[in-house]
Amino acid sequence: QVQLVESGGGLVQTGGSLRLSCAASGLTFSGYNMAWFRQAPGKEREFVAAITRSGANTYYADSVKGRFTISRDNAKNTVYLQMNSLKPEDTAVYYCAAKRLSGALLSRHGYNYWGQGTQVTVSS
């Protein structure tokens, strides 16, 4: 069975940093594009960042561009999200997701697998 397990969430002050990790198992990790999405209460789940199978290409939401960095270590079956200069509006549950097919990586539709999420809270 496929599992995606997020970790690294927590409470941080405005301007602080967190590094999220997503450990994958039960799939050929290098065969999947990976992404991070987030969802705040009462809001739609929104795209944050994505990275292609080899890590050659990355994509970011405008709201996080320049502050967040997505990366992956295929030898460790892990994708990361380094979050710097955090703002209260970054507060959300962060989910990692895996998609075998390329294309439309910025949409939550079409992703094959999802983690359970990890809470990130940024206090002002």
C-alpha atoms as a PDB file:
ATOM      1  CA  GLN A   1       0.000   0.000   0.000  1.00  0.00           C
ATOM      2  CA  VAL A   2       1.103   3.527  -0.750  1.00  0.00           C
ATOM      3  CA  GLN A   3       1.714   5.891   2.122  1.00  0.00           C
ATOM      4  CA  LEU A   4       2.721   9.538   2.236  1.00  0.00           C
ATOM      5  CA  VAL A   5       3.580  10.767   5.720  1.00  0.00           C
ATOM      6  CA  GLU A   6       4.173  14.452   6.394  1.00  0.00           C
ATOM      7  CA  SER A   7       6.175  15.776   9.313  1.00  0.00           C
ATOM      8  CA  GLY A   8       7.781  18.991  10.493  1.00  0.00           C
ATOM      9  CA  GLY A   9       4.734  21.144  11.078  1.00  0.00           C
ATOM     10  CA  GLY A  10       4.308  23.227  14.185  1.00  0.00           C
ATOM     11  CA  LEU A  11       3.930  26.681  15.639  1.00  0.00           C
ATOM     12  CA  VAL A  12       6.266  29.429  14.507  1.00  0.00           C
ATOM     13  CA  GLN A  13       6.351  33.207  14.805  1.00  0.00           C
ATOM     14  CA  THR A  14       5.988  35.553  11.880  1.00  0.00           C
ATOM     15  CA  GLY A  15       9.264  35.663   9.988  1.00  0.00           C
ATOM     16  CA  GLY A  16      10.337  32.241  11.174  1.00  0.00           C
ATOM     17  CA  SER A  17      11.119  29.092   9.233  1.00  0.00           C
ATOM     18  CA  LEU A  18       9.961  25.494   9.088  1.00  0.00           C
ATOM     19  CA  ARG A  19      11.006  22.526   7.006  1.00  0.00           C
ATOM     20  CA  LEU A  20       8.329  20.016   6.103  1.00  0.00           C
ATOM     21  CA  SER A  21       9.138  16.480   5.039  1.00  0.00           C
ATOM     22  CA  CYS A  22       7.023  13.913   3.241  1.00  0.00           C
ATOM     23  CA  ALA A  23       8.215  10.323   3.328  1.00  0.00           C
ATOM     24  CA  ALA A  24       6.787   8.056   0.646  1.00  0.00           C
ATOM     25  CA  SER A  25       6.544   4.283   0.655  1.00  0.00           C
ATOM     26  CA  GLY A  26       4.874   1.632  -1.455  1.00  0.00           C
ATOM     27  CA  LEU A  27       5.558   3.347  -4.769  1.00  0.00           C
ATOM     28  CA  THR A  28       8.422   3.942  -7.147  1.00  0.00           C
ATOM     29  CA  PHE A  29       9.152   7.409  -5.855  1.00  0.00           C
ATOM     30  CA  SER A  30      11.200   8.607  -8.822  1.00  0.00           C
ATOM     31  CA  GLY A  31       8.255   7.824 -11.097  1.00  0.00           C
ATOM     32  CA  TYR A  32       6.025  10.437  -9.486  1.00  0.00           C
ATOM     33  CA  ASN A  33       5.773  14.176  -9.607  1.00  0.00           C
ATOM     34  CA  MET A  34       5.374  15.530  -6.090  1.00  0.00           C
ATOM     35  CA  ALA A  35       3.592  18.557  -4.731  1.00  0.00           C
ATOM     36  CA  TRP A  36       2.558  20.408  -1.621  1.00  0.00           C
ATOM     37  CA  PHE A  37      -0.939  21.794  -1.129  1.00  0.00           C
ATOM     38  CA  ARG A  38      -2.426  23.581   1.840  1.00  0.00           C
ATOM     39  CA  GLN A  39      -5.883  24.177   3.223  1.00  0.00           C
ATOM     40  CA  ALA A  40      -7.001  26.750   5.754  1.00  0.00           C
ATOM     41  CA  PRO A  41     -10.364  26.501   7.553  1.00  0.00           C
ATOM     42  CA  GLY A  42     -13.241  27.487   5.285  1.00  0.00           C
ATOM     43  CA  LYS A  43     -11.014  27.724   2.225  1.00  0.00           C
ATOM     44  CA  GLU A  44     -10.324  25.521  -0.755  1.00  0.00           C
ATOM     45  CA  ARG A  45      -7.244  23.374  -0.855  1.00  0.00           C
ATOM     46  CA  GLU A  46      -4.688  25.404  -2.780  1.00  0.00           C
ATOM     47  CA  PHE A  47      -1.510  24.644  -4.638  1.00  0.00           C
ATOM     48  CA  VAL A  48       1.762  25.587  -2.955  1.00  0.00           C
ATOM     49  CA  ALA A  49       4.636  23.985  -4.852  1.00  0.00           C
ATOM     50  CA  ALA A  50       5.442  21.075  -7.165  1.00  0.00           C
ATOM     51  CA  ILE A  51       8.539  19.275  -8.358  1.00  0.00           C
ATOM     52  CA  THR A  52       8.933  16.954 -11.306  1.00  0.00           C
ATOM     53  CA  ARG A  53      10.188  13.376 -11.189  1.00  0.00           C
ATOM     54  CA  SER A  54      13.894  14.084 -11.431  1.00  0.00           C
ATOM     55  CA  GLY A  55      13.710  17.423  -9.646  1.00  0.00           C
ATOM     56  CA  ALA A  56      14.611  19.272 -12.827  1.00  0.00           C
ATOM     57  CA  ASN A  57      11.606  21.588 -12.675  1.00  0.00           C
ATOM     58  CA  THR A  58       9.832  23.302  -9.820  1.00  0.00           C
ATOM     59  CA  TYR A  59       6.658  25.374  -9.657  1.00  0.00           C
ATOM     60  CA  TYR A  60       5.365  27.733  -6.991  1.00  0.00           C
ATOM     61  CA  ALA A  61       2.232  29.621  -6.151  1.00  0.00           C
ATOM     62  CA  ASP A  62       2.738  33.363  -6.431  1.00  0.00           C
ATOM     63  CA  SER A  63       1.962  33.737  -2.738  1.00  0.00           C
ATOM     64  CA  VAL A  64       5.002  31.688  -1.696  1.00  0.00           C
ATOM     65  CA  LYS A  65       7.452  32.393  -4.508  1.00  0.00           C
ATOM     66  CA  GLY A  66      10.792  33.523  -3.148  1.00  0.00           C
ATOM     67  CA  ARG A  67      10.008  32.289   0.355  1.00  0.00           C
ATOM     68  CA  PHE A  68       9.409  28.548  -0.062  1.00  0.00           C
ATOM     69  CA  THR A  69      11.624  25.954  -1.725  1.00  0.00           C
ATOM     70  CA  ILE A  70      10.547  22.476  -2.744  1.00  0.00           C
ATOM     71  CA  SER A  71      13.149  19.754  -3.155  1.00  0.00           C
ATOM     72  CA  ARG A  72      13.343  15.984  -3.274  1.00  0.00           C
ATOM     73  CA  ASP A  73      15.778  13.226  -2.446  1.00  0.00           C
ATOM     74  CA  ASN A  74      14.885  10.224  -4.558  1.00  0.00           C
ATOM     75  CA  ALA A  75      17.382   8.042  -2.693  1.00  0.00           C
ATOM     76  CA  LYS A  76      15.439   8.716   0.505  1.00  0.00           C
ATOM     77  CA  ASN A  77      11.966   8.687  -1.068  1.00  0.00           C
ATOM     78  CA  THR A  78      11.349  12.073   0.501  1.00  0.00           C
ATOM     79  CA  VAL A  79      10.132  15.458  -0.666  1.00  0.00           C
ATOM     80  CA  TYR A  80      10.746  18.618   1.355  1.00  0.00           C
ATOM     81  CA  LEU A  81       9.270  22.068   1.656  1.00  0.00           C
ATOM     82  CA  GLN A  82      11.557  24.677   3.160  1.00  0.00           C
ATOM     83  CA  MET A  83       9.438  27.589   4.339  1.00  0.00           C
ATOM     84  CA  ASN A  84      11.109  30.883   5.209  1.00  0.00           C
ATOM     85  CA  SER A  85       9.785  34.319   6.106  1.00  0.00           C
ATOM     86  CA  LEU A  86       6.530  32.793   7.262  1.00  0.00           C
ATOM     87  CA  LYS A  87       3.407  34.919   7.500  1.00  0.00           C
ATOM     88  CA  PRO A  88       0.138  34.378   9.387  1.00  0.00           C
ATOM     89  CA  GLU A  89      -1.600  33.772   6.065  1.00  0.00           C
ATOM     90  CA  ASP A  90       0.587  30.686   5.624  1.00  0.00           C
ATOM     91  CA  THR A  91      -1.317  29.053   8.485  1.00  0.00           C
ATOM     92  CA  ALA A  92      -2.948  25.891   7.148  1.00  0.00           C
ATOM     93  CA  VAL A  93      -2.792  22.140   7.048  1.00  0.00           C
ATOM     94  CA  TYR A  94      -0.111  21.201   4.542  1.00  0.00           C
ATOM     95  CA  TYR A  95      -0.520  18.071   2.434  1.00  0.00           C
ATOM     96  CA  CYS A  96       1.904  16.312   0.152  1.00  0.00           C
ATOM     97  CA  ALA A  97       0.645  14.593  -2.961  1.00  0.00           C
ATOM     98  CA  ALA A  98       2.014  12.302  -5.663  1.00  0.00           C
ATOM     99  CA  LYS A  99       1.044  12.216  -9.341  1.00  0.00           C
ATOM    100  CA  ARG A 100       2.345   9.659 -11.801  1.00  0.00           C
ATOM    101  CA  LEU A 101       1.321  11.527 -14.944  1.00  0.00           C
ATOM    102  CA  SER A 102       2.770  14.899 -15.790  1.00  0.00           C
ATOM    103  CA  GLY A 103       0.717  17.940 -16.635  1.00  0.00           C
ATOM    104  CA  ALA A 104      -1.705  20.059 -14.604  1.00  0.00           C
ATOM    105  CA  LEU A 105       0.512  19.800 -11.548  1.00  0.00           C
ATOM    106  CA  LEU A 106      -0.952  22.979 -10.103  1.00  0.00           C
ATOM    107  CA  SER A 107      -4.396  21.407  -9.765  1.00  0.00           C
ATOM    108  CA  ARG A 108      -5.321  19.101  -6.914  1.00  0.00           C
ATOM    109  CA  HIS A 109      -7.288  17.009  -9.383  1.00  0.00           C
ATOM    110  CA  GLY A 110      -5.488  14.033 -10.827  1.00  0.00           C
ATOM    111  CA  TYR A 111      -3.068  13.376  -7.983  1.00  0.00           C
ATOM    112  CA  ASN A 112      -2.933   9.691  -7.227  1.00  0.00           C
ATOM    113  CA  TYR A 113      -1.989   9.758  -3.553  1.00  0.00           C
ATOM    114  CA  TRP A 114      -2.276  12.138  -0.627  1.00  0.00           C
ATOM    115  CA  GLY A 115      -0.837  12.334   2.846  1.00  0.00           C
ATOM    116  CA  GLN A 116      -2.840  13.065   5.980  1.00  0.00           C
ATOM    117  CA  GLY A 117      -1.427  16.545   6.407  1.00  0.00           C
ATOM    118  CA  THR A 118       0.579  18.434   8.984  1.00  0.00           C
ATOM    119  CA  GLN A 119      -0.516  21.615  10.740  1.00  0.00           C
ATOM    120  CA  VAL A 120       1.486  24.800  10.291  1.00  0.00           C
ATOM    121  CA  THR A 121       0.521  27.744  12.473  1.00  0.00           C
ATOM    122  CA  VAL A 122       2.191  31.136  12.128  1.00  0.00           C
ATOM    123  CA  SER A 123       1.523  33.528  14.978  1.00  0.00           C
ATOM    124  CA  SER A 124       1.625  37.296  14.681  1.00  0.00           C
END
